[in-house]
Amino acid sequence: MTFENLETQIVDLDSKVNELTYMRRENMNQVNAINSEISFLEEEVSLLDKVSSLFKHLLDSLLEEKKQEIQKLVTYGLKTVFTDQDLKFHINIEPKYNTIYTNFRTEQVGVAEGDVLDSFGGGVVNIESFLLRIITLFQTKLTPFLFLDETFSHVSGEYVENTSFLLRNICKKLRLTIALITHQDDMLHNADKVYKAVSIKNKLKLNEIQTNGPKKS
């Protein structure tokens, strides 16, 4: 091997070393960039977990607050109408499969508890249904007006006047207007205006009836 050949090989070897050194440096830069990206993503995941936990806590708090409000209103209505029964309204909330399931229970303290349709009479069903309609009305931000047609037909006579009182208080407190069709005379005691529908020559006419006005709440 001549000196010139040896020199050429050394130059080639040096060039390859430099090339390998450059490739190693590039690979290290890529590794560092990937490690940096991994660290950033780990921090993002940690932050998202914290935010998710915070939002879940807020949602749980809001849900519990709303649940208590609904229970309080319906229980108030039941106690106002059925004064001789210690009735309470409960909502059970169960998260399942990324969905929230609700379950309504009615309790007569110390006597019975269960689904209102199975464990209580039609009058209790009427009152709860009415109050839940009001809650839906306000939650959906609809016009505060309800048209009711014989909605309380299953409320027995002894509780009709209490029901009238409940409607009066609900309208006053929530600034709600209710138009009610009824054949229950005691329901009229707390109405602001009362009309009687009469048919004259196949035409319906409404005649206002004078009353003593709403009873004091």
N, C-alpha and C. Protein backbone atom coordinates (compact mmCIF):
# COMPACT_ATOMS: atom_id res chain seq x y z
N MET A 1 0.86 -1.19 0.00
CA MET A 1 0.00 0.00 0.00
C MET A 1 0.90 1.24 0.00
N THR A 2 0.59 2.12 -0.89
CA THR A 2 1.40 3.33 -1.00
C THR A 2 0.93 4.35 0.02
N PHE A 3 1.75 5.33 0.20
CA PHE A 3 1.43 6.40 1.14
C PHE A 3 0.19 7.17 0.68
N GLU A 4 0.07 7.34 -0.65
CA GLU A 4 -1.07 8.08 -1.18
C GLU A 4 -2.38 7.33 -0.91
N ASN A 5 -2.35 6.00 -1.07
CA ASN A 5 -3.55 5.20 -0.80
C ASN A 5 -3.94 5.25 0.67
N LEU A 6 -2.93 5.20 1.53
CA LEU A 6 -3.19 5.27 2.97
C LEU A 6 -3.80 6.60 3.33
N GLU A 7 -3.31 7.64 2.74
CA GLU A 7 -3.82 8.99 3.01
C GLU A 7 -5.27 9.11 2.56
N THR A 8 -5.59 8.51 1.43
CA THR A 8 -6.96 8.55 0.89
C THR A 8 -7.91 7.81 1.83
N GLN A 9 -7.48 6.66 2.31
CA GLN A 9 -8.31 5.87 3.23
C GLN A 9 -8.57 6.63 4.53
N ILE A 10 -7.52 7.32 5.00
CA ILE A 10 -7.67 8.10 6.25
C ILE A 10 -8.68 9.23 6.05
N VAL A 11 -8.60 9.86 4.90
CA VAL A 11 -9.53 10.97 4.59
C VAL A 11 -10.96 10.42 4.52
N ASP A 12 -11.13 9.25 3.86
CA ASP A 12 -12.46 8.64 3.76
C ASP A 12 -13.00 8.26 5.14
N LEU A 13 -12.10 7.70 5.95
CA LEU A 13 -12.49 7.30 7.29
C LEU A 13 -12.92 8.51 8.13
N ASP A 14 -12.12 9.57 7.98
CA ASP A 14 -12.43 10.80 8.72
C ASP A 14 -13.79 11.36 8.29
N SER A 15 -14.04 11.27 6.98
CA SER A 15 -15.32 11.75 6.45
C SER A 15 -16.49 10.94 7.01
N LYS A 16 -16.31 9.62 7.09
CA LYS A 16 -17.35 8.75 7.62
C LYS A 16 -17.58 9.01 9.11
N VAL A 17 -16.47 9.26 9.83
CA VAL A 17 -16.60 9.58 11.26
C VAL A 17 -17.40 10.85 11.45
N ASN A 18 -17.08 11.85 10.62
CA ASN A 18 -17.81 13.11 10.70
C ASN A 18 -19.29 12.91 10.38
N GLU A 19 -19.54 12.06 9.36
CA GLU A 19 -20.92 11.78 8.96
C GLU A 19 -21.67 11.08 10.08
N LEU A 20 -21.01 10.08 10.70
CA LEU A 20 -21.63 9.38 11.81
C LEU A 20 -21.86 10.30 13.01
N THR A 21 -20.89 11.18 13.24
CA THR A 21 -21.03 12.15 14.34
C THR A 21 -22.24 13.05 14.11
N TYR A 22 -22.40 13.50 12.85
CA TYR A 22 -23.53 14.37 12.49
C TYR A 22 -24.85 13.63 12.67
N MET A 23 -24.87 12.36 12.19
CA MET A 23 -26.09 11.56 12.31
C MET A 23 -26.44 11.31 13.78
N ARG A 24 -25.40 11.07 14.58
CA ARG A 24 -25.65 10.86 16.00
C ARG A 24 -26.23 12.12 16.64
N ARG A 25 -25.65 13.28 16.25
CA ARG A 25 -26.12 14.55 16.80
C ARG A 25 -27.59 14.78 16.41
N GLU A 26 -27.92 14.48 15.12
CA GLU A 26 -29.30 14.67 14.66
C GLU A 26 -30.25 13.73 15.40
N ASN A 27 -29.80 12.49 15.57
CA ASN A 27 -30.63 11.52 16.29
C ASN A 27 -30.86 11.95 17.73
N MET A 28 -29.81 12.48 18.37
CA MET A 28 -29.95 12.95 19.75
C MET A 28 -30.91 14.13 19.81
N ASN A 29 -30.82 15.01 18.79
CA ASN A 29 -31.75 16.15 18.75
C ASN A 29 -33.19 15.67 18.63
N GLN A 30 -33.41 14.66 17.78
CA GLN A 30 -34.74 14.10 17.61
C GLN A 30 -35.23 13.46 18.91
N VAL A 31 -34.32 12.71 19.58
CA VAL A 31 -34.67 12.08 20.86
C VAL A 31 -35.05 13.15 21.88
N ASN A 32 -34.25 14.21 21.94
CA ASN A 32 -34.53 15.29 22.89
C ASN A 32 -35.87 15.97 22.57
N ALA A 33 -36.13 16.15 21.26
CA ALA A 33 -37.39 16.77 20.85
C ALA A 33 -38.57 15.89 21.23
N ILE A 34 -38.41 14.59 21.02
CA ILE A 34 -39.48 13.64 21.37
C ILE A 34 -39.70 13.62 22.88
N ASN A 35 -38.60 13.59 23.63
CA ASN A 35 -38.71 13.61 25.10
C ASN A 35 -39.40 14.88 25.58
N SER A 36 -39.05 16.00 24.93
CA SER A 36 -39.67 17.28 25.28
C SER A 36 -41.16 17.26 24.97
N GLU A 37 -41.52 16.68 23.80
CA GLU A 37 -42.92 16.57 23.42
C GLU A 37 -43.68 15.67 24.38
N ILE A 38 -43.05 14.57 24.79
CA ILE A 38 -43.67 13.65 25.74
C ILE A 38 -43.93 14.36 27.07
N SER A 39 -42.93 15.12 27.53
CA SER A 39 -43.09 15.86 28.79
C SER A 39 -44.23 16.87 28.69
N PHE A 40 -44.29 17.56 27.52
CA PHE A 40 -45.35 18.55 27.31
C PHE A 40 -46.72 17.87 27.33
N LEU A 41 -46.83 16.73 26.62
CA LEU A 41 -48.10 16.00 26.57
C LEU A 41 -48.50 15.48 27.94
N GLU A 42 -47.51 15.02 28.70
CA GLU A 42 -47.80 14.54 30.06
C GLU A 42 -48.35 15.67 30.92
N GLU A 43 -47.76 16.87 30.75
CA GLU A 43 -48.26 18.03 31.50
C GLU A 43 -49.67 18.39 31.05
N GLU A 44 -49.92 18.29 29.71
CA GLU A 44 -51.25 18.58 29.18
C GLU A 44 -52.27 17.59 29.73
N VAL A 45 -51.91 16.31 29.75
CA VAL A 45 -52.81 15.28 30.28
C VAL A 45 -53.11 15.54 31.74
N SER A 46 -52.07 15.89 32.49
CA SER A 46 -52.25 16.18 33.91
C SER A 46 -53.18 17.38 34.10
N LEU A 47 -52.98 18.41 33.27
CA LEU A 47 -53.82 19.61 33.36
C LEU A 47 -55.27 19.28 33.00
N LEU A 48 -55.44 18.49 31.92
CA LEU A 48 -56.79 18.11 31.51
C LEU A 48 -57.48 17.27 32.58
N ASP A 49 -56.73 16.41 33.24
CA ASP A 49 -57.30 15.62 34.33
C ASP A 49 -57.78 16.52 35.46
N LYS A 50 -56.95 17.53 35.77
CA LYS A 50 -57.33 18.46 36.84
C LYS A 50 -58.56 19.28 36.44
N VAL A 51 -58.58 19.75 35.17
CA VAL A 51 -59.72 20.53 34.69
C VAL A 51 -60.98 19.65 34.67
N SER A 52 -60.82 18.41 34.20
CA SER A 52 -61.95 17.48 34.17
C SER A 52 -62.51 17.24 35.56
N SER A 53 -61.60 17.06 36.52
CA SER A 53 -62.04 16.84 37.91
C SER A 53 -62.75 18.08 38.45
N LEU A 54 -62.23 19.26 38.08
CA LEU A 54 -62.85 20.51 38.53
C LEU A 54 -64.25 20.65 37.96
N PHE A 55 -64.38 20.41 36.63
CA PHE A 55 -65.69 20.53 36.00
C PHE A 55 -66.67 19.49 36.54
N LYS A 56 -66.17 18.29 36.80
CA LYS A 56 -67.04 17.27 37.37
C LYS A 56 -67.55 17.70 38.73
N HIS A 57 -66.64 18.28 39.51
CA HIS A 57 -67.03 18.76 40.84
C HIS A 57 -68.07 19.87 40.71
N LEU A 58 -67.84 20.80 39.75
CA LEU A 58 -68.79 21.90 39.56
C LEU A 58 -70.15 21.37 39.09
N LEU A 59 -70.11 20.42 38.14
CA LEU A 59 -71.36 19.85 37.63
C LEU A 59 -72.09 19.09 38.73
N ASP A 60 -71.33 18.34 39.53
CA ASP A 60 -71.94 17.61 40.64
C ASP A 60 -72.58 18.58 41.63
N SER A 61 -71.88 19.69 41.88
CA SER A 61 -72.41 20.69 42.82
C SER A 61 -73.68 21.33 42.27
N LEU A 62 -73.63 21.70 40.97
CA LEU A 62 -74.80 22.31 40.34
C LEU A 62 -75.96 21.33 40.29
N LEU A 63 -75.64 20.07 39.98
CA LEU A 63 -76.68 19.05 39.91
C LEU A 63 -77.32 18.83 41.27
N GLU A 64 -76.50 18.78 42.31
CA GLU A 64 -77.01 18.59 43.66
C GLU A 64 -77.85 19.80 44.08
N GLU A 65 -77.39 21.00 43.71
CA GLU A 65 -78.14 22.21 44.05
C GLU A 65 -79.51 22.21 43.37
N LYS A 66 -79.51 21.86 42.06
CA LYS A 66 -80.76 21.81 41.31
C LYS A 66 -81.68 20.73 41.86
N LYS A 67 -81.11 19.60 42.21
CA LYS A 67 -81.89 18.50 42.79
C LYS A 67 -82.58 18.95 44.08
N GLN A 68 -81.83 19.65 44.94
CA GLN A 68 -82.40 20.12 46.21
C GLN A 68 -83.53 21.11 45.97
N GLU A 69 -83.36 21.99 44.97
CA GLU A 69 -84.40 22.97 44.65
C GLU A 69 -85.69 22.29 44.22
N ILE A 70 -85.55 21.28 43.34
CA ILE A 70 -86.73 20.57 42.83
C ILE A 70 -87.42 19.81 43.96
N GLN A 71 -86.62 19.10 44.77
CA GLN A 71 -87.19 18.35 45.89
C GLN A 71 -87.94 19.29 46.85
N LYS A 72 -87.35 20.46 47.08
CA LYS A 72 -87.95 21.41 48.02
C LYS A 72 -89.29 21.92 47.49
N LEU A 73 -89.35 22.26 46.18
CA LEU A 73 -90.58 22.80 45.61
C LEU A 73 -91.69 21.75 45.60
N VAL A 74 -91.38 20.54 45.15
CA VAL A 74 -92.41 19.50 45.07
C VAL A 74 -92.87 19.10 46.47
N THR A 75 -91.94 18.99 47.40
CA THR A 75 -92.32 18.65 48.78
C THR A 75 -93.21 19.74 49.37
N TYR A 76 -92.87 21.01 49.07
CA TYR A 76 -93.71 22.13 49.54
C TYR A 76 -95.13 21.99 49.00
N GLY A 77 -95.25 21.66 47.72
CA GLY A 77 -96.58 21.50 47.12
C GLY A 77 -97.37 20.37 47.76
N LEU A 78 -96.71 19.25 47.98
CA LEU A 78 -97.39 18.11 48.59
C LEU A 78 -97.86 18.43 50.01
N LYS A 79 -97.01 19.09 50.77
CA LYS A 79 -97.37 19.42 52.16
C LYS A 79 -98.47 20.47 52.22
N THR A 80 -98.49 21.38 51.22
CA THR A 80 -99.52 22.42 51.18
C THR A 80 -100.89 21.83 50.90
N VAL A 81 -100.95 20.87 50.01
CA VAL A 81 -102.22 20.26 49.63
C VAL A 81 -102.65 19.19 50.63
N PHE A 82 -101.76 18.26 50.90
CA PHE A 82 -102.11 17.12 51.76
C PHE A 82 -101.59 17.38 53.18
N THR A 83 -102.26 18.28 53.86
CA THR A 83 -101.77 18.74 55.16
C THR A 83 -101.84 17.66 56.24
N ASP A 84 -102.64 16.63 56.01
CA ASP A 84 -102.78 15.57 57.01
C ASP A 84 -101.82 14.41 56.75
N GLN A 85 -100.94 14.57 55.76
CA GLN A 85 -99.98 13.51 55.44
C GLN A 85 -98.58 14.14 55.38
N ASP A 86 -97.63 13.46 55.94
CA ASP A 86 -96.25 13.96 55.92
C ASP A 86 -95.55 13.42 54.67
N LEU A 87 -95.75 14.12 53.55
CA LEU A 87 -95.24 13.66 52.27
C LEU A 87 -93.95 14.38 51.88
N LYS A 88 -93.04 13.64 51.29
CA LYS A 88 -91.78 14.21 50.81
C LYS A 88 -91.47 13.65 49.42
N PHE A 89 -90.80 14.47 48.64
CA PHE A 89 -90.42 14.08 47.27
C PHE A 89 -88.91 13.93 47.20
N HIS A 90 -88.45 12.82 46.63
CA HIS A 90 -87.02 12.55 46.55
C HIS A 90 -86.60 12.29 45.11
N ILE A 91 -85.37 12.70 44.79
CA ILE A 91 -84.79 12.41 43.48
C ILE A 91 -83.50 11.63 43.71
N ASN A 92 -83.40 10.47 43.11
CA ASN A 92 -82.17 9.67 43.15
C ASN A 92 -81.46 9.84 41.81
N ILE A 93 -80.19 10.21 41.86
CA ILE A 93 -79.40 10.43 40.64
C ILE A 93 -78.30 9.39 40.58
N GLU A 94 -78.21 8.70 39.44
CA GLU A 94 -77.22 7.64 39.29
C GLU A 94 -76.50 7.77 37.94
N PRO A 95 -75.19 8.13 37.96
CA PRO A 95 -74.43 8.17 36.71
C PRO A 95 -74.18 6.74 36.22
N LYS A 96 -74.45 6.50 34.94
CA LYS A 96 -74.24 5.16 34.39
C LYS A 96 -74.01 5.28 32.89
N TYR A 97 -72.92 4.64 32.43
CA TYR A 97 -72.61 4.62 30.99
C TYR A 97 -72.58 6.03 30.39
N ASN A 98 -71.88 6.94 31.08
CA ASN A 98 -71.72 8.33 30.62
C ASN A 98 -73.06 9.07 30.51
N THR A 99 -74.08 8.56 31.19
CA THR A 99 -75.39 9.20 31.20
C THR A 99 -75.87 9.29 32.65
N ILE A 100 -76.68 10.30 32.92
CA ILE A 100 -77.23 10.46 34.27
C ILE A 100 -78.67 9.97 34.26
N TYR A 101 -78.96 8.99 35.12
CA TYR A 101 -80.31 8.46 35.26
C TYR A 101 -80.94 9.03 36.53
N THR A 102 -82.20 9.45 36.41
CA THR A 102 -82.92 9.98 37.57
C THR A 102 -84.10 9.08 37.90
N ASN A 103 -84.40 9.07 39.18
CA ASN A 103 -85.47 8.21 39.68
C ASN A 103 -86.23 8.99 40.75
N PHE A 104 -87.54 9.15 40.56
CA PHE A 104 -88.37 9.91 41.49
C PHE A 104 -89.02 8.98 42.50
N ARG A 105 -88.97 9.37 43.78
CA ARG A 105 -89.60 8.58 44.83
C ARG A 105 -90.43 9.53 45.71
N THR A 106 -91.56 9.03 46.14
CA THR A 106 -92.42 9.79 47.04
C THR A 106 -92.50 9.03 48.37
N GLU A 107 -92.43 9.79 49.46
CA GLU A 107 -92.41 9.17 50.78
C GLU A 107 -93.51 9.76 51.65
N GLN A 108 -94.26 8.91 52.29
CA GLN A 108 -95.11 9.32 53.40
C GLN A 108 -94.39 8.85 54.65
N VAL A 109 -93.81 9.79 55.35
CA VAL A 109 -92.87 9.47 56.42
C VAL A 109 -93.48 8.48 57.42
N GLY A 110 -92.74 7.38 57.60
CA GLY A 110 -93.15 6.37 58.55
C GLY A 110 -94.25 5.45 58.07
N VAL A 111 -94.71 5.65 56.82
CA VAL A 111 -95.81 4.83 56.31
C VAL A 111 -95.42 4.08 55.05
N ALA A 112 -95.01 4.81 54.03
CA ALA A 112 -94.70 4.17 52.74
C ALA A 112 -93.74 5.02 51.94
N GLU A 113 -93.04 4.38 51.02
CA GLU A 113 -92.15 5.08 50.11
C GLU A 113 -92.06 4.27 48.81
N GLY A 114 -92.09 4.96 47.68
CA GLY A 114 -91.97 4.25 46.41
C GLY A 114 -92.35 5.13 45.25
N ASP A 115 -92.49 4.50 44.09
CA ASP A 115 -92.93 5.20 42.90
C ASP A 115 -94.35 5.72 43.12
N VAL A 116 -94.58 6.98 42.78
CA VAL A 116 -95.87 7.61 43.09
C VAL A 116 -97.03 6.87 42.42
N LEU A 117 -96.80 6.32 41.22
CA LEU A 117 -97.87 5.62 40.51
C LEU A 117 -98.24 4.30 41.18
N ASP A 118 -97.28 3.69 41.84
CA ASP A 118 -97.51 2.39 42.47
C ASP A 118 -97.94 2.50 43.92
N SER A 119 -97.48 3.54 44.61
CA SER A 119 -97.65 3.58 46.06
C SER A 119 -98.63 4.64 46.56
N PHE A 120 -99.08 5.55 45.66
CA PHE A 120 -99.94 6.64 46.13
C PHE A 120 -101.11 6.84 45.17
N GLY A 121 -102.09 7.61 45.62
CA GLY A 121 -103.30 7.84 44.83
C GLY A 121 -103.11 8.84 43.70
N GLY A 122 -104.15 8.95 42.89
CA GLY A 122 -104.10 9.84 41.74
C GLY A 122 -103.95 11.30 42.09
N GLY A 123 -104.44 11.71 43.26
CA GLY A 123 -104.31 13.11 43.67
C GLY A 123 -102.86 13.52 43.84
N VAL A 124 -102.08 12.66 44.47
CA VAL A 124 -100.64 12.92 44.65
C VAL A 124 -99.95 12.97 43.29
N VAL A 125 -100.36 12.08 42.40
CA VAL A 125 -99.80 12.07 41.04
C VAL A 125 -100.11 13.40 40.35
N ASN A 126 -101.34 13.88 40.46
CA ASN A 126 -101.73 15.16 39.84
C ASN A 126 -100.87 16.31 40.33
N ILE A 127 -100.66 16.39 41.63
CA ILE A 127 -99.91 17.51 42.21
C ILE A 127 -98.44 17.44 41.79
N GLU A 128 -97.83 16.26 41.87
CA GLU A 128 -96.43 16.14 41.48
C GLU A 128 -96.24 16.45 39.99
N SER A 129 -97.14 15.95 39.16
CA SER A 129 -97.04 16.19 37.72
C SER A 129 -97.14 17.68 37.42
N PHE A 130 -98.05 18.36 38.08
CA PHE A 130 -98.22 19.81 37.90
C PHE A 130 -96.95 20.56 38.28
N LEU A 131 -96.37 20.24 39.43
CA LEU A 131 -95.18 20.94 39.90
C LEU A 131 -93.97 20.66 39.01
N LEU A 132 -93.85 19.43 38.52
CA LEU A 132 -92.74 19.10 37.62
C LEU A 132 -92.90 19.81 36.28
N ARG A 133 -94.13 20.04 35.85
CA ARG A 133 -94.37 20.82 34.63
C ARG A 133 -93.89 22.26 34.81
N ILE A 134 -94.15 22.82 35.99
CA ILE A 134 -93.70 24.19 36.27
C ILE A 134 -92.18 24.26 36.23
N ILE A 135 -91.52 23.29 36.85
CA ILE A 135 -90.06 23.26 36.86
C ILE A 135 -89.53 23.17 35.44
N THR A 136 -90.12 22.31 34.61
CA THR A 136 -89.70 22.18 33.22
C THR A 136 -89.91 23.49 32.47
N LEU A 137 -91.03 24.15 32.74
CA LEU A 137 -91.35 25.42 32.10
C LEU A 137 -90.26 26.46 32.34
N PHE A 138 -89.82 26.57 33.58
CA PHE A 138 -88.81 27.59 33.91
C PHE A 138 -87.41 27.16 33.51
N GLN A 139 -87.11 25.87 33.56
CA GLN A 139 -85.79 25.40 33.16
C GLN A 139 -85.56 25.59 31.67
N THR A 140 -86.62 25.46 30.89
CA THR A 140 -86.50 25.64 29.43
C THR A 140 -86.74 27.08 29.01
N LYS A 141 -86.96 27.97 30.01
CA LYS A 141 -87.11 29.41 29.77
C LYS A 141 -88.25 29.73 28.81
N LEU A 142 -89.35 28.99 28.95
CA LEU A 142 -90.54 29.26 28.15
C LEU A 142 -91.35 30.37 28.82
N THR A 143 -92.34 30.88 28.09
CA THR A 143 -93.21 31.92 28.64
C THR A 143 -93.90 31.38 29.90
N PRO A 144 -93.88 32.15 30.99
CA PRO A 144 -94.46 31.66 32.26
C PRO A 144 -95.98 31.63 32.22
N PHE A 145 -96.52 30.72 31.41
CA PHE A 145 -97.97 30.58 31.27
C PHE A 145 -98.29 29.10 31.13
N LEU A 146 -99.30 28.65 31.86
CA LEU A 146 -99.75 27.26 31.76
C LEU A 146 -101.25 27.22 31.49
N PHE A 147 -101.63 26.38 30.55
CA PHE A 147 -103.05 26.13 30.31
C PHE A 147 -103.34 24.72 30.81
N LEU A 148 -104.23 24.61 31.78
CA LEU A 148 -104.51 23.33 32.42
C LEU A 148 -105.98 22.96 32.20
N ASP A 149 -106.21 21.73 31.77
CA ASP A 149 -107.57 21.24 31.51
C ASP A 149 -107.86 20.06 32.43
N GLU A 150 -108.64 20.31 33.48
CA GLU A 150 -109.01 19.28 34.45
C GLU A 150 -107.78 18.55 34.99
N THR A 151 -106.71 19.31 35.21
CA THR A 151 -105.44 18.72 35.65
C THR A 151 -105.54 18.07 37.02
N PHE A 152 -106.46 18.56 37.86
CA PHE A 152 -106.53 18.06 39.24
C PHE A 152 -107.79 17.22 39.47
N SER A 153 -108.22 16.52 38.44
CA SER A 153 -109.47 15.76 38.50
C SER A 153 -109.43 14.61 39.51
N HIS A 154 -108.21 14.14 39.84
CA HIS A 154 -108.10 13.03 40.79
C HIS A 154 -107.84 13.49 42.23
N VAL A 155 -107.76 14.80 42.42
CA VAL A 155 -107.60 15.32 43.79
C VAL A 155 -108.97 15.26 44.47
N SER A 156 -109.05 14.55 45.57
CA SER A 156 -110.34 14.39 46.25
C SER A 156 -110.83 15.71 46.83
N GLY A 157 -112.15 15.80 47.03
CA GLY A 157 -112.79 17.05 47.42
C GLY A 157 -112.18 17.74 48.62
N GLU A 158 -111.73 16.97 49.61
CA GLU A 158 -111.20 17.57 50.83
C GLU A 158 -109.90 18.33 50.61
N TYR A 159 -109.23 18.07 49.46
CA TYR A 159 -107.94 18.73 49.19
C TYR A 159 -108.02 19.77 48.07
N VAL A 160 -109.19 19.96 47.49
CA VAL A 160 -109.30 20.85 46.33
C VAL A 160 -109.01 22.30 46.70
N GLU A 161 -109.57 22.75 47.83
CA GLU A 161 -109.33 24.14 48.22
C GLU A 161 -107.85 24.37 48.53
N ASN A 162 -107.19 23.39 49.14
CA ASN A 162 -105.75 23.51 49.38
C ASN A 162 -104.98 23.60 48.06
N THR A 163 -105.45 22.86 47.07
CA THR A 163 -104.82 22.91 45.75
C THR A 163 -104.97 24.30 45.15
N SER A 164 -106.15 24.88 45.31
CA SER A 164 -106.39 26.25 44.84
C SER A 164 -105.44 27.23 45.52
N PHE A 165 -105.24 27.03 46.81
CA PHE A 165 -104.31 27.88 47.57
C PHE A 165 -102.88 27.71 47.06
N LEU A 166 -102.50 26.46 46.74
CA LEU A 166 -101.16 26.19 46.20
C LEU A 166 -100.97 26.92 44.88
N LEU A 167 -101.95 26.84 43.99
CA LEU A 167 -101.84 27.51 42.69
C LEU A 167 -101.68 29.02 42.87
N ARG A 168 -102.44 29.55 43.81
CA ARG A 168 -102.37 31.00 44.08
C ARG A 168 -100.95 31.39 44.54
N ASN A 169 -100.39 30.64 45.46
CA ASN A 169 -99.05 30.96 45.97
C ASN A 169 -97.97 30.77 44.91
N ILE A 170 -98.08 29.69 44.13
CA ILE A 170 -97.11 29.44 43.07
C ILE A 170 -97.12 30.58 42.05
N CYS A 171 -98.30 31.00 41.64
CA CYS A 171 -98.41 32.10 40.67
C CYS A 171 -97.82 33.39 41.22
N LYS A 172 -98.06 33.64 42.50
CA LYS A 172 -97.58 34.86 43.13
C LYS A 172 -96.06 34.87 43.27
N LYS A 173 -95.52 33.75 43.73
CA LYS A 173 -94.07 33.67 43.98
C LYS A 173 -93.26 33.59 42.70
N LEU A 174 -93.77 32.90 41.69
CA LEU A 174 -93.01 32.67 40.45
C LEU A 174 -93.46 33.59 39.31
N ARG A 175 -94.44 34.47 39.61
CA ARG A 175 -94.98 35.37 38.57
C ARG A 175 -95.45 34.57 37.36
N LEU A 176 -96.25 33.58 37.67
CA LEU A 176 -96.75 32.65 36.67
C LEU A 176 -98.24 32.90 36.47
N THR A 177 -98.70 32.74 35.23
CA THR A 177 -100.12 32.84 34.91
C THR A 177 -100.65 31.46 34.55
N ILE A 178 -101.76 31.08 35.18
CA ILE A 178 -102.37 29.78 34.91
C ILE A 178 -103.81 29.98 34.49
N ALA A 179 -104.17 29.38 33.36
CA ALA A 179 -105.57 29.33 32.93
C ALA A 179 -106.03 27.89 33.15
N LEU A 180 -107.03 27.73 34.01
CA LEU A 180 -107.46 26.39 34.43
C LEU A 180 -108.92 26.15 34.08
N ILE A 181 -109.18 25.06 33.37
CA ILE A 181 -110.55 24.59 33.15
C ILE A 181 -110.85 23.55 34.22
N THR A 182 -111.97 23.74 34.95
CA THR A 182 -112.29 22.81 36.04
C THR A 182 -113.79 22.78 36.30
N HIS A 183 -114.23 21.65 36.83
CA HIS A 183 -115.60 21.53 37.32
C HIS A 183 -115.61 21.49 38.84
N GLN A 184 -114.45 21.70 39.45
CA GLN A 184 -114.34 21.65 40.91
C GLN A 184 -114.52 23.07 41.46
N ASP A 185 -115.69 23.33 42.03
CA ASP A 185 -116.03 24.69 42.47
C ASP A 185 -115.05 25.24 43.51
N ASP A 186 -114.56 24.37 44.39
CA ASP A 186 -113.64 24.84 45.43
C ASP A 186 -112.31 25.31 44.85
N MET A 187 -112.04 24.96 43.60
CA MET A 187 -110.79 25.40 42.96
C MET A 187 -110.84 26.89 42.63
N LEU A 188 -112.03 27.48 42.66
CA LEU A 188 -112.21 28.87 42.24
C LEU A 188 -111.95 29.87 43.36
N HIS A 189 -111.80 29.39 44.60
CA HIS A 189 -111.74 30.29 45.75
C HIS A 189 -110.55 31.25 45.72
N ASN A 190 -109.47 30.85 45.10
CA ASN A 190 -108.28 31.70 45.08
C ASN A 190 -107.94 32.23 43.70
N ALA A 191 -108.90 32.15 42.78
CA ALA A 191 -108.66 32.64 41.42
C ALA A 191 -108.78 34.16 41.35
N ASP A 192 -107.99 34.76 40.48
CA ASP A 192 -108.10 36.21 40.26
C ASP A 192 -109.34 36.53 39.44
N LYS A 193 -109.60 35.70 38.43
CA LYS A 193 -110.79 35.88 37.59
C LYS A 193 -111.41 34.52 37.32
N VAL A 194 -112.74 34.50 37.28
CA VAL A 194 -113.46 33.26 37.01
C VAL A 194 -114.43 33.50 35.86
N TYR A 195 -114.44 32.60 34.91
CA TYR A 195 -115.35 32.69 33.77
C TYR A 195 -116.15 31.39 33.68
N LYS A 196 -117.41 31.51 33.28
CA LYS A 196 -118.23 30.34 33.04
C LYS A 196 -118.49 30.23 31.55
N ALA A 197 -118.22 29.07 30.98
CA ALA A 197 -118.42 28.86 29.56
C ALA A 197 -119.86 28.38 29.32
N VAL A 198 -120.57 29.09 28.45
CA VAL A 198 -121.93 28.70 28.10
C VAL A 198 -122.05 28.61 26.59
N SER A 199 -122.89 27.70 26.14
CA SER A 199 -123.10 27.52 24.71
C SER A 199 -124.41 28.18 24.31
N ILE A 200 -124.32 29.14 23.42
CA ILE A 200 -125.51 29.85 22.93
C ILE A 200 -125.55 29.72 21.41
N LYS A 201 -126.57 29.01 20.94
CA LYS A 201 -126.72 28.78 19.50
C LYS A 201 -125.45 28.21 18.90
N ASN A 202 -124.96 27.17 19.57
CA ASN A 202 -123.76 26.45 19.12
C ASN A 202 -122.49 27.31 19.12
N LYS A 203 -122.52 28.41 19.85
CA LYS A 203 -121.34 29.26 20.00
C LYS A 203 -120.96 29.33 21.47
N LEU A 204 -119.67 29.23 21.72
CA LEU A 204 -119.18 29.24 23.10
C LEU A 204 -118.97 30.68 23.55
N LYS A 205 -119.53 30.99 24.71
CA LYS A 205 -119.38 32.34 25.24
C LYS A 205 -118.86 32.25 26.68
N LEU A 206 -117.96 33.16 27.04
CA LEU A 206 -117.40 33.20 28.39
C LEU A 206 -118.00 34.38 29.15
N ASN A 207 -118.63 34.06 30.27
CA ASN A 207 -119.20 35.09 31.14
C ASN A 207 -118.39 35.17 32.42
N GLU A 208 -117.92 36.39 32.74
CA GLU A 208 -117.15 36.53 33.97
C GLU A 208 -118.07 36.44 35.17
N ILE A 209 -117.63 35.69 36.16
CA ILE A 209 -118.40 35.51 37.39
C ILE A 209 -117.74 36.32 38.49
N GLN A 210 -118.52 37.10 39.19
CA GLN A 210 -118.00 37.89 40.29
C GLN A 210 -117.75 36.98 41.50
N THR A 211 -116.58 37.08 42.08
CA THR A 211 -116.26 36.31 43.29
C THR A 211 -115.80 37.26 44.36
N ASN A 212 -115.54 36.71 45.51
CA ASN A 212 -115.03 37.52 46.62
C ASN A 212 -113.53 37.81 46.48
N GLY A 213 -112.94 37.30 45.39
CA GLY A 213 -111.50 37.51 45.19
C GLY A 213 -110.69 36.46 45.90
N PRO A 214 -109.42 36.46 45.62
CA PRO A 214 -108.52 35.46 46.24
C PRO A 214 -108.48 35.62 47.74
N LYS A 215 -108.42 34.47 48.41
CA LYS A 215 -108.25 34.51 49.86
C LYS A 215 -106.83 34.94 50.18
N LYS A 216 -106.68 35.57 51.31
CA LYS A 216 -105.34 36.01 51.72
C LYS A 216 -104.44 34.81 51.96
N SER A 217 -103.18 34.91 51.47
CA SER A 217 -102.23 33.81 51.67
C SER A 217 -101.55 33.96 53.01
